[in-house]
Structure formats: C-alpha cells, structure tokens
Amino acid sequence: MSIAGIRSNRGDSYQTLVALDRALTVLSDPDYQWLEARNNMTHITVDQ
C-alpha cells in the first residue's frame, strides 16, 4: 500500500471515532430529536 493509502486509512479510522463520539453525544442529549446517518440517509428517532 502506498504512503498516501496508509495515511488515508488512518484518517478513516479517526473519522469513524469522531462520528461515534458525536452519535453518542446526540443519543444521550434529550434536546436532540433525530440523528441523520449519511451513508444510507436513514433518520433515527431518539426516543426520550
């Protein structure tokens, strides 16, 4: 794998962790009403 490919893969892992952190924040905050997942454009209702 090229150096650019290795660095890109590291960035993917970081973005996944950032997205997970954000999702956990949204799901635990009662002020949020929905969470949009861009991969499949699914809206997940956050029940309180």
PDB file of N, CA and C in Angstrom:
ATOM      1  N   MET A   1       0.848  -1.171   0.000  1.00  0.00           N
ATOM      2  CA  MET A   1       0.000   0.000   0.000  1.00  0.00           C
ATOM      3  C   MET A   1       0.896   1.237   0.000  1.00  0.00           C
ATOM      4  N   SER A   2       0.501   2.248  -0.727  1.00  0.00           N
ATOM      5  CA  SER A   2       1.300   3.466  -0.814  1.00  0.00           C
ATOM      6  C   SER A   2       1.218   4.261   0.490  1.00  0.00           C
ATOM      7  N   ILE A   3       2.147   5.202   0.643  1.00  0.00           N
ATOM      8  CA  ILE A   3       2.137   6.082   1.819  1.00  0.00           C
ATOM      9  C   ILE A   3       0.816   6.847   1.889  1.00  0.00           C
ATOM     10  N   ALA A   4       0.339   7.333   0.761  1.00  0.00           N
ATOM     11  CA  ALA A   4      -0.936   8.064   0.741  1.00  0.00           C
ATOM     12  C   ALA A   4      -2.081   7.153   1.177  1.00  0.00           C
ATOM     13  N   GLY A   5      -2.057   5.909   0.754  1.00  0.00           N
ATOM     14  CA  GLY A   5      -3.092   4.955   1.150  1.00  0.00           C
ATOM     15  C   GLY A   5      -3.076   4.673   2.642  1.00  0.00           C
ATOM     16  N   ILE A   6      -1.875   4.552   3.196  1.00  0.00           N
ATOM     17  CA  ILE A   6      -1.737   4.319   4.638  1.00  0.00           C
ATOM     18  C   ILE A   6      -2.275   5.514   5.415  1.00  0.00           C
ATOM     19  N   ARG A   7      -1.906   6.713   4.998  1.00  0.00           N
ATOM     20  CA  ARG A   7      -2.376   7.920   5.690  1.00  0.00           C
ATOM     21  C   ARG A   7      -3.883   8.091   5.546  1.00  0.00           C
ATOM     22  N   SER A   8      -4.416   7.754   4.393  1.00  0.00           N
ATOM     23  CA  SER A   8      -5.858   7.845   4.178  1.00  0.00           C
ATOM     24  C   SER A   8      -6.592   6.889   5.107  1.00  0.00           C
ATOM     25  N   ASN A   9      -6.055   5.692   5.267  1.00  0.00           N
ATOM     26  CA  ASN A   9      -6.666   4.707   6.152  1.00  0.00           C
ATOM     27  C   ASN A   9      -6.676   5.210   7.590  1.00  0.00           C
ATOM     28  N   ARG A  10      -5.621   5.862   8.027  1.00  0.00           N
ATOM     29  CA  ARG A  10      -5.574   6.431   9.377  1.00  0.00           C
ATOM     30  C   ARG A  10      -6.658   7.486   9.541  1.00  0.00           C
ATOM     31  N   GLY A  11      -6.849   8.289   8.521  1.00  0.00           N
ATOM     32  CA  GLY A  11      -7.885   9.317   8.567  1.00  0.00           C
ATOM     33  C   GLY A  11      -9.273   8.717   8.658  1.00  0.00           C
ATOM     34  N   ASP A  12      -9.495   7.604   7.970  1.00  0.00           N
ATOM     35  CA  ASP A  12     -10.791   6.928   8.022  1.00  0.00           C
ATOM     36  C   ASP A  12     -11.099   6.470   9.441  1.00  0.00           C
ATOM     37  N   SER A  13     -10.118   5.920  10.111  1.00  0.00           N
ATOM     38  CA  SER A  13     -10.315   5.460  11.491  1.00  0.00           C
ATOM     39  C   SER A  13     -10.645   6.630  12.405  1.00  0.00           C
ATOM     40  N   TYR A  14      -9.949   7.732  12.225  1.00  0.00           N
ATOM     41  CA  TYR A  14     -10.209   8.921  13.036  1.00  0.00           C
ATOM     42  C   TYR A  14     -11.624   9.439  12.793  1.00  0.00           C
ATOM     43  N   GLN A  15     -12.037   9.512  11.538  1.00  0.00           N
ATOM     44  CA  GLN A  15     -13.387   9.988  11.222  1.00  0.00           C
ATOM     45  C   GLN A  15     -14.450   9.076  11.817  1.00  0.00           C
ATOM     46  N   THR A  16     -14.197   7.779  11.829  1.00  0.00           N
ATOM     47  CA  THR A  16     -15.140   6.838  12.431  1.00  0.00           C
ATOM     48  C   THR A  16     -15.271   7.095  13.926  1.00  0.00           C
ATOM     49  N   LEU A  17     -14.155   7.331  14.602  1.00  0.00           N
ATOM     50  CA  LEU A  17     -14.194   7.616  16.037  1.00  0.00           C
ATOM     51  C   LEU A  17     -14.898   8.936  16.330  1.00  0.00           C
ATOM     52  N   VAL A  18     -14.663   9.946  15.508  1.00  0.00           N
ATOM     53  CA  VAL A  18     -15.339  11.232  15.683  1.00  0.00           C
ATOM     54  C   VAL A  18     -16.843  11.063  15.484  1.00  0.00           C
ATOM     55  N   ALA A  19     -17.234  10.310  14.467  1.00  0.00           N
ATOM     56  CA  ALA A  19     -18.658  10.073  14.209  1.00  0.00           C
ATOM     57  C   ALA A  19     -19.299   9.303  15.359  1.00  0.00           C
ATOM     58  N   LEU A  20     -18.607   8.315  15.898  1.00  0.00           N
ATOM     59  CA  LEU A  20     -19.130   7.554  17.028  1.00  0.00           C
ATOM     60  C   LEU A  20     -19.305   8.453  18.245  1.00  0.00           C
ATOM     61  N   ASP A  21     -18.315   9.288  18.516  1.00  0.00           N
ATOM     62  CA  ASP A  21     -18.405  10.219  19.640  1.00  0.00           C
ATOM     63  C   ASP A  21     -19.600  11.148  19.479  1.00  0.00           C
ATOM     64  N   ARG A  22     -19.776  11.673  18.284  1.00  0.00           N
ATOM     65  CA  ARG A  22     -20.899  12.579  18.010  1.00  0.00           C
ATOM     66  C   ARG A  22     -22.237  11.863  18.157  1.00  0.00           C
ATOM     67  N   ALA A  23     -22.318  10.642  17.652  1.00  0.00           N
ATOM     68  CA  ALA A  23     -23.559   9.871  17.755  1.00  0.00           C
ATOM     69  C   ALA A  23     -23.908   9.597  19.214  1.00  0.00           C
ATOM     70  N   LEU A  24     -22.919   9.244  20.023  1.00  0.00           N
ATOM     71  CA  LEU A  24     -23.177   9.001  21.442  1.00  0.00           C
ATOM     72  C   LEU A  24     -23.626  10.272  22.147  1.00  0.00           C
ATOM     73  N   THR A  25     -23.039  11.403  21.773  1.00  0.00           N
ATOM     74  CA  THR A  25     -23.451  12.680  22.344  1.00  0.00           C
ATOM     75  C   THR A  25     -24.897  12.985  21.993  1.00  0.00           C
ATOM     76  N   VAL A  26     -25.241  12.819  20.730  1.00  0.00           N
ATOM     77  CA  VAL A  26     -26.607  13.105  20.275  1.00  0.00           C
ATOM     78  C   VAL A  26     -27.606  12.171  20.953  1.00  0.00           C
ATOM     79  N   LEU A  27     -27.278  10.902  21.040  1.00  0.00           N
ATOM     80  CA  LEU A  27     -28.202   9.933  21.625  1.00  0.00           C
ATOM     81  C   LEU A  27     -28.399  10.136  23.122  1.00  0.00           C
ATOM     82  N   SER A  28     -27.419  10.716  23.801  1.00  0.00           N
ATOM     83  CA  SER A  28     -27.534  10.908  25.248  1.00  0.00           C
ATOM     84  C   SER A  28     -28.079  12.281  25.629  1.00  0.00           C
ATOM     85  N   ASP A  29     -28.240  13.185  24.674  1.00  0.00           N
ATOM     86  CA  ASP A  29     -28.733  14.536  24.951  1.00  0.00           C
ATOM     87  C   ASP A  29     -30.224  14.615  24.630  1.00  0.00           C
ATOM     88  N   PRO A  30     -31.065  14.900  25.625  1.00  0.00           N
ATOM     89  CA  PRO A  30     -32.512  14.925  25.389  1.00  0.00           C
ATOM     90  C   PRO A  30     -32.977  16.051  24.465  1.00  0.00           C
ATOM     91  N   ASP A  31     -32.139  17.037  24.198  1.00  0.00           N
ATOM     92  CA  ASP A  31     -32.525  18.135  23.312  1.00  0.00           C
ATOM     93  C   ASP A  31     -32.505  17.741  21.835  1.00  0.00           C
ATOM     94  N   TYR A  32     -31.805  16.668  21.503  1.00  0.00           N
ATOM     95  CA  TYR A  32     -31.768  16.211  20.112  1.00  0.00           C
ATOM     96  C   TYR A  32     -32.975  15.327  19.832  1.00  0.00           C
ATOM     97  N   GLN A  33     -33.575  15.494  18.655  1.00  0.00           N
ATOM     98  CA  GLN A  33     -34.763  14.719  18.312  1.00  0.00           C
ATOM     99  C   GLN A  33     -34.488  13.664  17.246  1.00  0.00           C
ATOM    100  N   TRP A  34     -33.449  13.825  16.438  1.00  0.00           N
ATOM    101  CA  TRP A  34     -33.135  12.832  15.414  1.00  0.00           C
ATOM    102  C   TRP A  34     -31.653  12.884  15.087  1.00  0.00           C
ATOM    103  N   LEU A  35     -31.190  11.799  14.481  1.00  0.00           N
ATOM    104  CA  LEU A  35     -29.797  11.656  14.075  1.00  0.00           C
ATOM    105  C   LEU A  35     -29.778  11.178  12.631  1.00  0.00           C
ATOM    106  N   GLU A  36     -29.093  11.902  11.770  1.00  0.00           N
ATOM    107  CA  GLU A  36     -29.019  11.526  10.358  1.00  0.00           C
ATOM    108  C   GLU A  36     -27.727  10.766  10.096  1.00  0.00           C
ATOM    109  N   ALA A  37     -27.856   9.567   9.536  1.00  0.00           N
ATOM    110  CA  ALA A  37     -26.697   8.778   9.136  1.00  0.00           C
ATOM    111  C   ALA A  37     -26.541   8.932   7.629  1.00  0.00           C
ATOM    112  N   ARG A  38     -25.476   9.565   7.183  1.00  0.00           N
ATOM    113  CA  ARG A  38     -25.324   9.921   5.778  1.00  0.00           C
ATOM    114  C   ARG A  38     -25.043   8.745   4.853  1.00  0.00           C
ATOM    115  N   ASN A  39     -24.565   7.639   5.352  1.00  0.00           N
ATOM    116  CA  ASN A  39     -24.266   6.512   4.466  1.00  0.00           C
ATOM    117  C   ASN A  39     -25.499   5.997   3.749  1.00  0.00           C
ATOM    118  N   ASN A  40     -26.604   5.918   4.465  1.00  0.00           N
ATOM    119  CA  ASN A  40     -27.810   5.388   3.839  1.00  0.00           C
ATOM    120  C   ASN A  40     -29.001   6.335   4.013  1.00  0.00           C
ATOM    121  N   MET A  41     -28.736   7.535   4.470  1.00  0.00           N
ATOM    122  CA  MET A  41     -29.760   8.571   4.632  1.00  0.00           C
ATOM    123  C   MET A  41     -30.929   8.097   5.500  1.00  0.00           C
ATOM    124  N   THR A  42     -30.629   7.353   6.539  1.00  0.00           N
ATOM    125  CA  THR A  42     -31.635   6.875   7.475  1.00  0.00           C
ATOM    126  C   THR A  42     -31.745   7.860   8.626  1.00  0.00           C
ATOM    127  N   HIS A  43     -32.957   8.224   8.978  1.00  0.00           N
ATOM    128  CA  HIS A  43     -33.181   9.070  10.140  1.00  0.00           C
ATOM    129  C   HIS A  43     -33.562   8.172  11.312  1.00  0.00           C
ATOM    130  N   ILE A  44     -32.852   8.324  12.403  1.00  0.00           N
ATOM    131  CA  ILE A  44     -33.106   7.525  13.589  1.00  0.00           C
ATOM    132  C   ILE A  44     -33.734   8.437  14.631  1.00  0.00           C
ATOM    133  N   THR A  45     -34.938   8.117  15.077  1.00  0.00           N
ATOM    134  CA  THR A  45     -35.605   8.907  16.096  1.00  0.00           C
ATOM    135  C   THR A  45     -35.000   8.575  17.447  1.00  0.00           C
ATOM    136  N   VAL A  46     -34.695   9.615  18.208  1.00  0.00           N
ATOM    137  CA  VAL A  46     -34.154   9.437  19.546  1.00  0.00           C
ATOM    138  C   VAL A  46     -35.321   9.563  20.515  1.00  0.00           C
ATOM    139  N   ASP A  47     -35.780   8.439  21.040  1.00  0.00           N
ATOM    140  CA  ASP A  47     -36.901   8.443  21.982  1.00  0.00           C
ATOM    141  C   ASP A  47     -36.423   8.882  23.352  1.00  0.00           C
ATOM    142  N   GLN A  48     -37.261   9.656  24.003  1.00  0.00           N
ATOM    143  CA  GLN A  48     -36.887  10.138  25.339  1.00  0.00           C
ATOM    144  C   GLN A  48     -37.603   9.358  26.404  1.00  0.00           C
TER     145      GLN A  48
END
